[in-house]
Amino acid sequence: MENDNYTVQFSLENDRSKVIQESIMQVKAALEEKGYNPVNQIVGYIISGDPTYITSYKDARKLIRQIERDEILEELVKFYFNNK
């Protein structure tokens, strides 16, 4: 290796963030396809923890339950702050 004067950073956090973002978008799409308002449904889920706010269509309920609610909220806040 010619240039070994730099350090490559490895971060599982970035990978986890991408997984969460992709999952939220898949859940959003499934909710829309079933005719639900995804904002209302996801907020209801985050506040209550009740998975029945999320449709089981396309395994959306299973998908969202693999993510902690605080992680979902963190990603939503980061997205909001980055786009203001």
N, C-alpha and C. Protein backbone atom coordinates (compact mmCIF):
# COMPACT_ATOMS: atom_id res chain seq x y z
N MET A 1 0.84 -1.17 0.00
CA MET A 1 0.00 0.00 0.00
C MET A 1 0.88 1.23 0.00
N GLU A 2 0.61 2.16 -0.90
CA GLU A 2 1.46 3.33 -1.01
C GLU A 2 1.17 4.38 0.04
N ASN A 3 -0.11 4.69 0.26
CA ASN A 3 -0.45 5.77 1.18
C ASN A 3 -1.14 5.20 2.40
N ASP A 4 -0.37 4.95 3.42
CA ASP A 4 -0.95 4.44 4.66
C ASP A 4 -0.87 5.48 5.77
N ASN A 5 -0.90 6.76 5.37
CA ASN A 5 -0.85 7.85 6.33
C ASN A 5 -2.22 8.36 6.74
N TYR A 6 -3.27 7.65 6.39
CA TYR A 6 -4.60 8.08 6.78
C TYR A 6 -5.33 6.91 7.44
N THR A 7 -6.34 7.25 8.16
CA THR A 7 -7.13 6.25 8.87
C THR A 7 -8.52 6.19 8.27
N VAL A 8 -8.95 5.01 7.97
CA VAL A 8 -10.31 4.81 7.47
C VAL A 8 -11.21 4.61 8.67
N GLN A 9 -12.32 5.34 8.68
CA GLN A 9 -13.26 5.20 9.79
C GLN A 9 -14.35 4.20 9.43
N PHE A 10 -14.68 3.38 10.37
CA PHE A 10 -15.74 2.39 10.22
C PHE A 10 -16.84 2.74 11.21
N SER A 11 -18.07 2.79 10.72
CA SER A 11 -19.17 3.17 11.61
C SER A 11 -20.38 2.31 11.35
N LEU A 12 -20.76 1.54 12.36
CA LEU A 12 -22.01 0.77 12.25
C LEU A 12 -23.21 1.69 12.38
N GLU A 13 -23.03 2.84 13.02
CA GLU A 13 -24.12 3.78 13.21
C GLU A 13 -24.69 4.24 11.87
N ASN A 14 -23.81 4.54 10.90
CA ASN A 14 -24.28 4.98 9.59
C ASN A 14 -25.06 3.87 8.90
N ASP A 15 -24.59 2.64 9.01
CA ASP A 15 -25.29 1.51 8.42
C ASP A 15 -26.66 1.32 9.07
N ARG A 16 -26.72 1.42 10.37
CA ARG A 16 -27.98 1.27 11.10
C ARG A 16 -28.94 2.39 10.71
N SER A 17 -28.42 3.59 10.57
CA SER A 17 -29.24 4.73 10.18
C SER A 17 -29.88 4.48 8.81
N LYS A 18 -29.11 3.96 7.88
CA LYS A 18 -29.63 3.67 6.54
C LYS A 18 -30.71 2.59 6.59
N VAL A 19 -30.50 1.58 7.38
CA VAL A 19 -31.50 0.51 7.53
C VAL A 19 -32.80 1.07 8.09
N ILE A 20 -32.69 1.93 9.09
CA ILE A 20 -33.88 2.53 9.69
C ILE A 20 -34.60 3.41 8.67
N GLN A 21 -33.87 4.22 7.95
CA GLN A 21 -34.47 5.09 6.94
C GLN A 21 -35.20 4.28 5.88
N GLU A 22 -34.56 3.25 5.39
CA GLU A 22 -35.18 2.40 4.36
C GLU A 22 -36.42 1.71 4.91
N SER A 23 -36.36 1.27 6.13
CA SER A 23 -37.51 0.59 6.75
C SER A 23 -38.68 1.55 6.90
N ILE A 24 -38.41 2.76 7.36
CA ILE A 24 -39.47 3.76 7.51
C ILE A 24 -40.13 4.03 6.16
N MET A 25 -39.34 4.13 5.12
CA MET A 25 -39.90 4.40 3.80
C MET A 25 -40.73 3.22 3.28
N GLN A 26 -40.32 2.01 3.59
CA GLN A 26 -41.10 0.83 3.20
C GLN A 26 -42.42 0.78 3.95
N VAL A 27 -42.38 1.12 5.22
CA VAL A 27 -43.60 1.16 6.04
C VAL A 27 -44.52 2.26 5.50
N LYS A 28 -43.97 3.41 5.20
CA LYS A 28 -44.74 4.52 4.64
C LYS A 28 -45.45 4.09 3.36
N ALA A 29 -44.72 3.44 2.47
CA ALA A 29 -45.30 3.00 1.20
C ALA A 29 -46.43 2.00 1.42
N ALA A 30 -46.24 1.07 2.33
CA ALA A 30 -47.28 0.07 2.61
C ALA A 30 -48.52 0.73 3.18
N LEU A 31 -48.34 1.69 4.08
CA LEU A 31 -49.48 2.41 4.65
C LEU A 31 -50.24 3.18 3.57
N GLU A 32 -49.51 3.85 2.70
CA GLU A 32 -50.14 4.60 1.61
C GLU A 32 -50.90 3.67 0.67
N GLU A 33 -50.29 2.55 0.34
CA GLU A 33 -50.95 1.59 -0.56
C GLU A 33 -52.27 1.09 0.02
N LYS A 34 -52.34 0.98 1.33
CA LYS A 34 -53.57 0.52 1.98
C LYS A 34 -54.54 1.67 2.28
N GLY A 35 -54.16 2.89 1.91
CA GLY A 35 -55.05 4.03 2.06
C GLY A 35 -54.97 4.75 3.38
N TYR A 36 -53.95 4.48 4.17
CA TYR A 36 -53.77 5.14 5.46
C TYR A 36 -52.89 6.38 5.31
N ASN A 37 -53.04 7.31 6.24
CA ASN A 37 -52.16 8.47 6.31
C ASN A 37 -50.92 8.02 7.09
N PRO A 38 -49.76 7.91 6.43
CA PRO A 38 -48.58 7.37 7.11
C PRO A 38 -48.09 8.22 8.28
N VAL A 39 -48.26 9.52 8.21
CA VAL A 39 -47.82 10.38 9.31
C VAL A 39 -48.63 10.05 10.56
N ASN A 40 -49.95 10.04 10.41
CA ASN A 40 -50.81 9.75 11.57
C ASN A 40 -50.53 8.38 12.14
N GLN A 41 -50.38 7.39 11.29
CA GLN A 41 -50.19 6.03 11.75
C GLN A 41 -48.85 5.84 12.45
N ILE A 42 -47.80 6.41 11.88
CA ILE A 42 -46.47 6.25 12.47
C ILE A 42 -46.38 7.02 13.78
N VAL A 43 -46.97 8.21 13.83
CA VAL A 43 -47.00 8.97 15.09
C VAL A 43 -47.75 8.18 16.15
N GLY A 44 -48.90 7.63 15.78
CA GLY A 44 -49.66 6.81 16.73
C GLY A 44 -48.85 5.65 17.27
N TYR A 45 -48.09 5.02 16.38
CA TYR A 45 -47.24 3.91 16.80
C TYR A 45 -46.13 4.38 17.74
N ILE A 46 -45.47 5.48 17.39
CA ILE A 46 -44.36 5.98 18.21
C ILE A 46 -44.86 6.36 19.60
N ILE A 47 -45.99 7.04 19.67
CA ILE A 47 -46.51 7.50 20.96
C ILE A 47 -46.98 6.33 21.83
N SER A 48 -47.72 5.42 21.22
CA SER A 48 -48.37 4.37 22.01
C SER A 48 -47.57 3.07 22.12
N GLY A 49 -46.78 2.79 21.10
CA GLY A 49 -46.09 1.51 21.05
C GLY A 49 -46.99 0.39 20.55
N ASP A 50 -48.21 0.73 20.18
CA ASP A 50 -49.19 -0.25 19.70
C ASP A 50 -48.93 -0.56 18.22
N PRO A 51 -48.49 -1.76 17.92
CA PRO A 51 -48.14 -2.10 16.53
C PRO A 51 -49.35 -2.15 15.59
N THR A 52 -50.57 -2.16 16.14
CA THR A 52 -51.73 -2.21 15.25
C THR A 52 -51.96 -0.90 14.50
N TYR A 53 -51.21 0.14 14.83
CA TYR A 53 -51.25 1.37 14.03
C TYR A 53 -50.60 1.16 12.67
N ILE A 54 -49.81 0.11 12.55
CA ILE A 54 -49.08 -0.18 11.32
C ILE A 54 -49.70 -1.40 10.66
N THR A 55 -49.98 -1.29 9.38
CA THR A 55 -50.56 -2.40 8.64
C THR A 55 -49.60 -3.59 8.59
N SER A 56 -50.17 -4.76 8.51
CA SER A 56 -49.34 -5.95 8.33
C SER A 56 -49.04 -6.20 6.84
N TYR A 57 -49.66 -5.41 5.98
CA TYR A 57 -49.46 -5.51 4.54
C TYR A 57 -47.97 -5.35 4.21
N LYS A 58 -47.47 -6.22 3.38
CA LYS A 58 -46.06 -6.23 2.97
C LYS A 58 -45.11 -6.30 4.18
N ASP A 59 -45.55 -6.96 5.24
CA ASP A 59 -44.75 -7.13 6.46
C ASP A 59 -44.30 -5.82 7.10
N ALA A 60 -45.07 -4.75 6.88
CA ALA A 60 -44.70 -3.44 7.43
C ALA A 60 -44.66 -3.47 8.96
N ARG A 61 -45.63 -4.13 9.56
CA ARG A 61 -45.68 -4.20 11.03
C ARG A 61 -44.45 -4.93 11.57
N LYS A 62 -44.12 -6.03 10.94
CA LYS A 62 -42.95 -6.81 11.36
C LYS A 62 -41.68 -5.97 11.20
N LEU A 63 -41.61 -5.25 10.10
CA LEU A 63 -40.45 -4.43 9.79
C LEU A 63 -40.25 -3.32 10.83
N ILE A 64 -41.33 -2.62 11.15
CA ILE A 64 -41.19 -1.49 12.08
C ILE A 64 -40.92 -1.97 13.50
N ARG A 65 -41.38 -3.15 13.85
CA ARG A 65 -41.15 -3.66 15.21
C ARG A 65 -39.70 -4.10 15.41
N GLN A 66 -38.93 -4.22 14.33
CA GLN A 66 -37.52 -4.57 14.44
C GLN A 66 -36.66 -3.35 14.82
N ILE A 67 -37.31 -2.19 14.88
CA ILE A 67 -36.61 -0.94 15.20
C ILE A 67 -37.20 -0.39 16.49
N GLU A 68 -36.34 0.03 17.38
CA GLU A 68 -36.81 0.65 18.62
C GLU A 68 -37.48 1.99 18.28
N ARG A 69 -38.54 2.31 18.98
CA ARG A 69 -39.27 3.55 18.71
C ARG A 69 -38.38 4.77 18.88
N ASP A 70 -37.48 4.77 19.85
CA ASP A 70 -36.60 5.92 20.02
C ASP A 70 -35.64 6.08 18.84
N GLU A 71 -35.28 4.97 18.20
CA GLU A 71 -34.42 5.05 17.01
C GLU A 71 -35.19 5.68 15.85
N ILE A 72 -36.46 5.33 15.72
CA ILE A 72 -37.29 5.93 14.67
C ILE A 72 -37.38 7.43 14.89
N LEU A 73 -37.69 7.81 16.12
CA LEU A 73 -37.81 9.22 16.46
C LEU A 73 -36.50 9.96 16.20
N GLU A 74 -35.40 9.35 16.58
CA GLU A 74 -34.09 9.98 16.35
C GLU A 74 -33.85 10.23 14.87
N GLU A 75 -34.16 9.25 14.03
CA GLU A 75 -33.97 9.42 12.59
C GLU A 75 -34.87 10.51 12.02
N LEU A 76 -36.09 10.58 12.50
CA LEU A 76 -37.02 11.61 12.03
C LEU A 76 -36.55 13.00 12.43
N VAL A 77 -36.06 13.15 13.65
CA VAL A 77 -35.56 14.45 14.11
C VAL A 77 -34.30 14.84 13.33
N LYS A 78 -33.39 13.89 13.14
CA LYS A 78 -32.17 14.18 12.35
C LYS A 78 -32.55 14.62 10.94
N PHE A 79 -33.49 13.93 10.33
CA PHE A 79 -33.92 14.28 8.98
C PHE A 79 -34.50 15.70 8.96
N TYR A 80 -35.34 16.00 9.93
CA TYR A 80 -35.95 17.33 10.02
C TYR A 80 -34.88 18.40 10.18
N PHE A 81 -33.95 18.21 11.09
CA PHE A 81 -32.91 19.22 11.32
C PHE A 81 -32.01 19.39 10.10
N ASN A 82 -31.72 18.31 9.41
CA ASN A 82 -30.84 18.39 8.24
C ASN A 82 -31.51 19.06 7.04
N ASN A 83 -32.83 19.15 7.08
CA ASN A 83 -33.55 19.75 5.95
C ASN A 83 -34.13 21.11 6.28
N LYS A 84 -33.68 21.72 7.35
CA LYS A 84 -34.11 23.07 7.71
C LYS A 84 -33.03 24.06 7.47
